[in-house]
């Protein structure tokens, strides 16, 4: 929500490299800290999966709701286009996260 409303800048987000580095640091602090962090990451991944983007579970629910309202299925071509656009957006987003991580790790 904060990302969409502009309260958080994309440069503040981290990707897989920083998540791994944080997990390693927390593991050194103890198993409880590490498991707590892993639980938070797991919860966040579950919430992300519910976003109404095609290709994710939330997107399938949107398609099903539209089909229920229309009374007929959405064409395969439209569904394919939506999934492709969503995947392209995801690749760009996660590419940006990876670039943020590399910038932090390499000191740039």
Protein backbone atom coordinates (compact mmCIF):
# COMPACT_ATOMS: atom_id res chain seq x y z
CA UNK A 1 0.00 0.00 0.00
CA UNK A 2 2.75 2.44 0.94
CA UNK A 3 4.61 1.63 -2.25
CA UNK A 4 1.56 2.32 -4.41
CA UNK A 5 0.73 5.57 -2.59
CA UNK A 6 4.33 6.80 -2.89
CA UNK A 7 5.08 6.73 0.85
CA UNK A 8 7.96 4.32 0.20
CA UNK A 9 10.47 4.72 -2.61
CA UNK A 10 11.43 1.69 -4.72
CA UNK A 11 15.07 2.26 -3.75
CA UNK A 12 14.23 1.26 -0.16
CA UNK A 13 13.12 -2.24 -1.16
CA UNK A 14 15.39 -5.26 -1.02
CA UNK A 15 15.56 -8.41 -3.07
CA UNK A 16 16.96 -11.90 -2.67
CA UNK A 17 20.57 -10.89 -1.98
CA UNK A 18 19.72 -8.62 0.95
CA UNK A 19 17.14 -11.09 2.28
CA UNK A 20 19.82 -13.79 2.30
CA UNK A 21 22.36 -11.50 3.96
CA UNK A 22 19.84 -10.49 6.62
CA UNK A 23 18.90 -14.12 7.22
CA UNK A 24 22.57 -15.04 7.70
CA UNK A 25 23.08 -12.21 10.19
CA UNK A 26 19.99 -13.23 12.13
CA UNK A 27 21.08 -16.88 12.11
CA UNK A 28 24.31 -15.77 13.81
CA UNK A 29 22.19 -14.07 16.49
CA UNK A 30 20.29 -17.26 17.20
CA UNK A 31 17.82 -19.74 15.85
CA UNK A 32 14.83 -17.83 17.24
CA UNK A 33 15.71 -14.61 15.41
CA UNK A 34 16.33 -16.53 12.19
CA UNK A 35 13.06 -18.48 12.37
CA UNK A 36 11.13 -15.30 13.18
CA UNK A 37 12.57 -13.60 10.12
CA UNK A 38 11.78 -16.63 7.95
CA UNK A 39 8.19 -16.59 9.26
CA UNK A 40 7.85 -12.91 8.30
CA UNK A 41 9.27 -13.57 4.83
CA UNK A 42 6.90 -16.51 4.38
CA UNK A 43 3.92 -14.42 5.46
CA UNK A 44 4.85 -11.63 3.07
CA UNK A 45 5.25 -14.08 0.18
CA UNK A 46 1.79 -15.45 0.94
CA UNK A 47 0.30 -11.95 0.91
CA UNK A 48 2.08 -11.12 -2.36
CA UNK A 49 0.59 -14.24 -3.90
CA UNK A 50 -2.89 -12.87 -3.16
CA UNK A 51 -2.34 -9.70 -5.21
CA UNK A 52 -4.85 -9.47 -8.07
CA UNK A 53 -2.19 -10.00 -10.76
CA UNK A 54 -2.68 -12.66 -13.42
CA UNK A 55 -0.38 -15.58 -12.79
CA UNK A 56 -0.83 -15.28 -9.03
CA UNK A 57 -3.65 -16.80 -6.99
CA UNK A 58 -5.28 -13.39 -6.56
CA UNK A 59 -5.35 -13.00 -10.33
CA UNK A 60 -7.10 -16.32 -10.75
CA UNK A 61 -9.72 -15.20 -8.24
CA UNK A 62 -10.25 -12.00 -10.26
CA UNK A 63 -10.71 -14.02 -13.45
CA UNK A 64 -13.20 -16.28 -11.68
CA UNK A 65 -15.12 -13.30 -10.31
CA UNK A 66 -15.31 -11.73 -13.76
CA UNK A 67 -16.49 -15.02 -15.22
CA UNK A 68 -19.15 -15.31 -12.52
CA UNK A 69 -20.40 -11.78 -13.22
CA UNK A 70 -20.34 -12.19 -17.02
CA UNK A 71 -21.72 -15.70 -16.95
CA UNK A 72 -19.13 -16.92 -19.44
CA UNK A 73 -15.38 -17.51 -19.41
CA UNK A 74 -12.80 -14.92 -20.36
CA UNK A 75 -11.18 -15.79 -23.69
CA UNK A 76 -7.87 -17.62 -23.62
CA UNK A 77 -6.29 -14.81 -25.65
CA UNK A 78 -7.23 -12.18 -23.05
CA UNK A 79 -6.05 -14.37 -20.18
CA UNK A 80 -2.76 -15.08 -21.95
CA UNK A 81 -2.20 -11.38 -22.63
CA UNK A 82 -2.92 -10.50 -19.00
CA UNK A 83 -0.54 -13.17 -17.71
CA UNK A 84 2.22 -12.05 -20.09
CA UNK A 85 1.86 -8.40 -19.09
CA UNK A 86 1.84 -9.36 -15.42
CA UNK A 87 4.94 -11.52 -15.83
CA UNK A 88 6.74 -8.71 -17.68
CA UNK A 89 5.86 -6.30 -14.87
CA UNK A 90 7.11 -8.84 -12.32
CA UNK A 91 10.39 -9.33 -14.14
CA UNK A 92 10.98 -5.57 -14.29
CA UNK A 93 10.07 -5.18 -10.60
CA UNK A 94 12.31 -8.02 -9.41
CA UNK A 95 15.08 -6.83 -11.72
CA UNK A 96 14.89 -3.47 -9.96
CA UNK A 97 15.07 -5.20 -6.57
CA UNK A 98 18.13 -7.13 -7.69
CA UNK A 99 19.73 -3.91 -8.95
CA UNK A 100 19.04 -2.29 -5.54
CA UNK A 101 20.73 -5.24 -3.83
CA UNK A 102 23.75 -5.16 -6.09
CA UNK A 103 24.06 -1.42 -5.58
CA UNK A 104 24.08 -1.87 -1.80
CA UNK A 105 26.48 -4.82 -1.85
CA UNK A 106 28.88 -3.20 -4.29
CA UNK A 107 28.65 0.18 -2.52
CA UNK A 108 27.23 2.12 -5.46
